[in-house]
N, C-alpha and C. Protein backbone atom coordinates (compact mmCIF):
# COMPACT_ATOMS: atom_id res chain seq x y z
N MET A 1 -22.33 4.10 -7.39
CA MET A 1 -21.57 3.06 -6.91
C MET A 1 -20.81 3.35 -5.50
N GLY A 2 -20.89 2.41 -4.65
CA GLY A 2 -20.19 2.83 -3.37
C GLY A 2 -18.76 2.58 -3.39
N SER A 3 -18.01 2.70 -2.34
CA SER A 3 -16.68 2.39 -2.40
C SER A 3 -16.52 0.80 -2.61
N ASP A 4 -15.28 0.74 -3.52
CA ASP A 4 -14.92 -0.75 -3.88
C ASP A 4 -13.51 -0.64 -4.32
N HIS A 5 -12.79 -1.59 -3.88
CA HIS A 5 -11.50 -1.78 -4.73
C HIS A 5 -11.52 -3.13 -5.57
N PHE A 6 -10.97 -2.87 -6.60
CA PHE A 6 -11.11 -4.21 -7.66
C PHE A 6 -9.65 -4.40 -8.19
N TYR A 7 -9.43 -5.50 -8.28
CA TYR A 7 -8.17 -6.04 -8.71
C TYR A 7 -8.22 -6.81 -9.79
N THR A 8 -7.43 -6.89 -10.71
CA THR A 8 -7.18 -7.80 -11.88
C THR A 8 -6.07 -7.97 -12.52
N THR A 9 -5.66 -8.89 -13.28
CA THR A 9 -4.36 -9.09 -13.96
C THR A 9 -4.77 -8.81 -15.65
N ASN A 10 -6.01 -8.57 -15.89
CA ASN A 10 -6.31 -8.18 -17.20
C ASN A 10 -6.46 -6.86 -17.72
N PRO A 11 -5.53 -6.39 -18.69
CA PRO A 11 -5.50 -4.96 -18.92
C PRO A 11 -6.94 -4.63 -19.46
N ALA A 12 -7.59 -5.51 -20.54
CA ALA A 12 -8.95 -5.25 -20.80
C ALA A 12 -9.96 -4.79 -19.79
N GLU A 13 -9.82 -5.76 -18.77
CA GLU A 13 -10.75 -5.42 -17.66
C GLU A 13 -10.37 -4.02 -16.79
N VAL A 14 -9.18 -3.67 -16.93
CA VAL A 14 -8.75 -2.41 -16.13
C VAL A 14 -9.32 -1.43 -17.01
N ASN A 15 -9.28 -1.45 -18.41
CA ASN A 15 -9.94 -0.33 -19.37
C ASN A 15 -11.47 -0.33 -19.16
N SER A 16 -11.98 -1.37 -19.15
CA SER A 16 -13.38 -1.38 -18.80
C SER A 16 -13.83 -1.08 -17.64
N ALA A 17 -13.26 -1.26 -16.57
CA ALA A 17 -13.48 -0.72 -15.21
C ALA A 17 -13.49 0.86 -15.14
N MET A 18 -12.35 1.47 -15.86
CA MET A 18 -12.14 2.88 -15.90
C MET A 18 -13.18 3.45 -16.75
N GLY A 19 -13.75 2.62 -17.79
CA GLY A 19 -15.19 3.24 -18.34
C GLY A 19 -16.13 3.53 -17.50
N VAL A 20 -16.35 2.78 -16.44
CA VAL A 20 -17.39 2.74 -15.59
C VAL A 20 -17.25 3.47 -14.36
N GLY A 21 -16.24 4.28 -14.01
CA GLY A 21 -15.92 4.98 -12.99
C GLY A 21 -14.84 4.58 -12.13
N TYR A 22 -14.23 3.53 -12.35
CA TYR A 22 -13.09 3.37 -11.34
C TYR A 22 -11.89 4.08 -11.75
N ARG A 23 -11.09 4.39 -10.91
CA ARG A 23 -9.85 5.15 -10.99
C ARG A 23 -8.69 4.28 -10.86
N SER A 24 -7.61 4.45 -11.72
CA SER A 24 -6.44 3.57 -11.54
C SER A 24 -5.58 3.99 -10.28
N GLU A 25 -5.13 3.02 -9.44
CA GLU A 25 -4.45 3.21 -8.44
C GLU A 25 -3.08 2.68 -8.70
N GLY A 26 -2.66 2.26 -9.90
CA GLY A 26 -1.52 1.59 -10.37
C GLY A 26 -1.50 0.33 -10.16
N VAL A 27 -0.30 -0.37 -10.22
CA VAL A 27 -0.05 -1.85 -9.84
C VAL A 27 0.19 -1.97 -8.34
N ALA A 28 -0.59 -2.94 -7.77
CA ALA A 28 -0.67 -3.27 -6.24
C ALA A 28 0.63 -4.15 -5.95
N CYS A 29 0.64 -4.99 -6.95
CA CYS A 29 1.87 -6.12 -6.48
C CYS A 29 1.87 -7.02 -7.75
N ASP A 30 3.02 -7.64 -7.75
CA ASP A 30 3.12 -8.80 -8.79
C ASP A 30 2.65 -10.18 -8.28
N VAL A 31 1.70 -10.88 -9.23
CA VAL A 31 1.26 -12.16 -8.65
C VAL A 31 1.34 -13.10 -10.01
N PHE A 32 0.92 -14.34 -9.65
CA PHE A 32 1.18 -15.29 -10.79
C PHE A 32 -0.16 -15.44 -11.37
N SER A 33 -0.19 -15.53 -12.76
CA SER A 33 -1.34 -15.73 -13.57
C SER A 33 -1.78 -17.18 -13.51
N SER A 34 -1.05 -18.04 -13.31
CA SER A 34 -1.18 -19.62 -13.42
C SER A 34 -0.58 -20.00 -12.02
N SER A 35 -1.19 -21.15 -11.77
CA SER A 35 -0.54 -22.02 -10.75
C SER A 35 0.74 -22.36 -10.86
N GLN A 36 1.60 -22.13 -9.50
CA GLN A 36 2.92 -22.45 -9.62
C GLN A 36 3.16 -23.14 -8.33
N GLN A 37 4.05 -24.02 -8.10
CA GLN A 37 4.33 -24.69 -7.11
C GLN A 37 4.50 -24.18 -5.75
N GLY A 38 3.66 -24.35 -4.73
CA GLY A 38 3.54 -23.72 -3.38
C GLY A 38 2.51 -22.67 -3.60
N THR A 39 1.69 -22.29 -4.68
CA THR A 39 0.71 -21.25 -4.53
C THR A 39 -0.57 -21.51 -4.43
N THR A 40 -1.51 -20.74 -4.16
CA THR A 40 -2.90 -21.18 -4.00
C THR A 40 -3.70 -20.19 -4.82
N SER A 41 -5.05 -20.34 -5.02
CA SER A 41 -5.86 -19.70 -5.89
C SER A 41 -6.44 -18.32 -5.01
N LEU A 42 -6.55 -17.31 -5.53
CA LEU A 42 -7.08 -16.09 -4.93
C LEU A 42 -8.42 -15.98 -5.84
N PHE A 43 -9.44 -16.30 -5.10
CA PHE A 43 -10.85 -16.22 -5.47
C PHE A 43 -11.49 -14.74 -5.74
N ARG A 44 -12.09 -14.38 -6.75
CA ARG A 44 -12.64 -13.01 -6.86
C ARG A 44 -14.09 -13.39 -6.90
N LEU A 45 -15.03 -12.54 -6.03
CA LEU A 45 -16.44 -12.53 -6.04
C LEU A 45 -16.83 -11.15 -6.11
N TYR A 46 -18.22 -10.95 -6.46
CA TYR A 46 -18.67 -9.81 -6.88
C TYR A 46 -20.22 -9.87 -6.37
N ASN A 47 -20.50 -8.75 -5.61
CA ASN A 47 -21.92 -8.60 -5.07
C ASN A 47 -22.56 -7.56 -5.81
N PRO A 48 -23.51 -7.96 -6.83
CA PRO A 48 -24.04 -6.59 -7.43
C PRO A 48 -25.00 -5.78 -6.78
N ASN A 49 -25.60 -6.38 -5.59
CA ASN A 49 -26.39 -5.63 -4.65
C ASN A 49 -25.68 -4.61 -3.99
N SER A 50 -24.26 -4.79 -3.70
CA SER A 50 -23.56 -3.75 -2.78
C SER A 50 -22.50 -3.22 -3.64
N SER A 51 -22.50 -3.76 -4.87
CA SER A 51 -21.15 -3.18 -5.63
C SER A 51 -19.96 -3.41 -5.00
N ASP A 52 -19.70 -4.68 -4.42
CA ASP A 52 -18.54 -5.00 -3.59
C ASP A 52 -17.76 -6.19 -4.03
N HIS A 53 -16.59 -5.88 -4.42
CA HIS A 53 -15.83 -7.26 -4.70
C HIS A 53 -15.10 -7.75 -3.38
N PHE A 54 -14.92 -9.16 -3.50
CA PHE A 54 -14.70 -10.05 -2.38
C PHE A 54 -13.70 -10.90 -2.90
N TYR A 55 -12.40 -11.11 -2.07
CA TYR A 55 -11.41 -11.76 -2.44
C TYR A 55 -10.77 -12.76 -1.23
N THR A 56 -10.61 -14.16 -1.49
CA THR A 56 -10.36 -14.97 -0.52
C THR A 56 -9.50 -16.28 -1.15
N THR A 57 -8.54 -16.61 -0.46
CA THR A 57 -7.81 -17.85 -0.70
C THR A 57 -8.55 -19.26 -0.15
N ASN A 58 -9.70 -18.87 0.62
CA ASN A 58 -10.23 -20.05 1.21
C ASN A 58 -11.39 -20.40 0.56
N GLN A 59 -11.34 -21.55 0.00
CA GLN A 59 -12.55 -22.11 -1.05
C GLN A 59 -13.88 -22.30 -0.23
N ALA A 60 -13.76 -22.56 1.18
CA ALA A 60 -15.15 -22.82 1.92
C ALA A 60 -15.64 -21.26 2.05
N GLU A 61 -14.73 -20.31 2.37
CA GLU A 61 -15.40 -19.06 2.62
C GLU A 61 -15.93 -18.61 1.05
N ASP A 62 -15.21 -18.91 0.11
CA ASP A 62 -15.78 -18.56 -1.30
C ASP A 62 -17.13 -19.01 -1.45
N GLN A 63 -17.42 -20.34 -1.12
CA GLN A 63 -18.65 -20.86 -1.29
C GLN A 63 -19.68 -20.47 -0.48
N ILE A 64 -19.31 -20.23 1.00
CA ILE A 64 -20.41 -19.64 1.70
C ILE A 64 -20.75 -18.19 1.35
N ALA A 65 -19.91 -17.38 0.94
CA ALA A 65 -20.36 -16.11 0.19
C ALA A 65 -21.07 -16.09 -0.89
N ILE A 66 -21.00 -17.15 -1.66
CA ILE A 66 -21.88 -17.20 -2.83
C ILE A 66 -23.09 -17.72 -2.41
N ALA A 67 -23.25 -18.70 -1.58
CA ALA A 67 -24.63 -19.48 -1.16
C ALA A 67 -25.56 -18.36 -0.11
N ASN A 68 -24.74 -17.59 0.66
CA ASN A 68 -25.21 -16.95 1.77
C ASN A 68 -25.35 -15.27 1.70
N ASP A 69 -24.32 -14.86 1.00
CA ASP A 69 -24.14 -13.43 1.02
C ASP A 69 -24.42 -12.76 -0.21
N GLY A 70 -24.86 -13.29 -1.37
CA GLY A 70 -25.27 -12.37 -2.43
C GLY A 70 -24.14 -12.31 -3.47
N TYR A 71 -23.01 -12.98 -3.28
CA TYR A 71 -21.75 -12.78 -4.15
C TYR A 71 -22.12 -13.63 -5.16
N GLN A 72 -21.42 -13.28 -6.46
CA GLN A 72 -21.28 -14.12 -7.64
C GLN A 72 -19.87 -14.56 -7.82
N ASP A 73 -19.52 -15.73 -8.22
CA ASP A 73 -18.20 -16.21 -8.51
C ASP A 73 -17.78 -15.44 -9.79
N GLU A 74 -16.39 -14.75 -9.66
CA GLU A 74 -15.82 -14.15 -10.92
C GLU A 74 -14.49 -15.08 -11.39
N GLY A 75 -14.48 -16.15 -10.60
CA GLY A 75 -13.37 -17.08 -11.05
C GLY A 75 -12.14 -16.74 -10.03
N ILE A 76 -10.94 -17.30 -10.77
CA ILE A 76 -9.71 -17.18 -9.82
C ILE A 76 -8.97 -15.83 -10.58
N ALA A 77 -8.62 -14.83 -9.55
CA ALA A 77 -8.06 -13.64 -9.95
C ALA A 77 -6.72 -13.91 -10.31
N CYS A 78 -5.89 -14.59 -9.67
CA CYS A 78 -4.64 -15.04 -9.77
C CYS A 78 -4.27 -16.07 -8.63
N HIS A 79 -2.83 -16.25 -8.65
CA HIS A 79 -2.43 -17.25 -7.74
C HIS A 79 -1.36 -16.56 -6.81
N VAL A 80 -1.40 -16.76 -5.70
CA VAL A 80 -0.51 -16.54 -4.54
C VAL A 80 0.15 -17.41 -3.49
N TYR A 81 0.93 -16.97 -2.93
CA TYR A 81 1.54 -17.86 -1.75
C TYR A 81 0.62 -17.91 -0.65
N GLY A 82 0.33 -19.10 -0.21
CA GLY A 82 -0.51 -19.27 1.14
C GLY A 82 0.39 -18.78 2.30
N LEU A 83 0.02 -18.78 3.33
CA LEU A 83 0.48 -18.72 4.67
C LEU A 83 1.59 -19.90 4.86
N ALA A 84 1.29 -21.25 4.60
CA ALA A 84 2.19 -22.06 5.04
C ALA A 84 3.31 -22.55 3.94
N ASN A 85 3.01 -21.73 2.61
CA ASN A 85 3.86 -22.06 1.66
C ASN A 85 4.78 -20.96 1.14
N ALA A 86 4.68 -19.85 1.90
CA ALA A 86 5.40 -18.57 1.45
C ALA A 86 6.83 -18.65 1.63
N PRO A 87 7.51 -18.47 0.70
CA PRO A 87 9.13 -18.43 0.75
C PRO A 87 9.73 -17.58 1.48
N GLY A 88 10.91 -17.52 2.01
CA GLY A 88 11.68 -16.66 2.64
C GLY A 88 11.65 -15.13 1.85
N GLY A 89 11.51 -13.91 2.24
CA GLY A 89 11.77 -12.75 1.61
C GLY A 89 10.33 -12.20 1.14
N THR A 90 9.22 -12.99 1.50
CA THR A 90 7.98 -12.31 1.26
C THR A 90 7.45 -11.71 2.40
N THR A 91 6.24 -10.81 2.09
CA THR A 91 5.97 -10.24 3.39
C THR A 91 4.12 -10.48 3.21
N PRO A 92 3.70 -10.46 4.36
CA PRO A 92 2.35 -10.70 4.19
C PRO A 92 1.43 -9.54 3.96
N LEU A 93 0.39 -9.66 3.08
CA LEU A 93 -0.72 -8.70 2.58
C LEU A 93 -1.90 -9.07 3.61
N TYR A 94 -2.19 -7.91 4.51
CA TYR A 94 -3.13 -8.08 5.44
C TYR A 94 -4.62 -7.90 4.81
N ARG A 95 -5.46 -8.59 5.19
CA ARG A 95 -7.02 -8.26 4.61
C ARG A 95 -7.67 -7.88 5.93
N LEU A 96 -8.31 -6.73 5.75
CA LEU A 96 -9.24 -6.23 6.85
C LEU A 96 -10.53 -5.99 6.29
N TYR A 97 -11.73 -5.76 7.21
CA TYR A 97 -12.87 -5.65 6.80
C TYR A 97 -13.58 -4.57 7.74
N ASN A 98 -14.26 -3.92 7.22
CA ASN A 98 -15.02 -2.73 8.01
C ASN A 98 -16.57 -2.97 7.58
N GLY A 99 -17.29 -3.41 8.54
CA GLY A 99 -18.76 -3.67 8.12
C GLY A 99 -19.57 -2.51 8.19
N MET A 100 -19.19 -1.45 8.30
CA MET A 100 -19.98 -0.22 8.51
C MET A 100 -20.59 0.28 7.12
């Protein structure tokens, strides 16, 4: 398996992933498990060819990754505040990509 970060709110998935070689890095942050006013879905996808997980709040980007890039839909990982709806006191979680 290549390098991959995996995020889940499901303790059973944590245990299962650790059984196939993932190492726990602890809790990354707190999120909503169901939709709350002002939140948006964080979609989780997986590419079995590259063993890569991909996360996005953009449904169009989600669909393009499925249609064109070999990703499979794994559903909604959690619900987060979108850029336009974030309340005061929140901080951005930056998304970066290295195509190497």
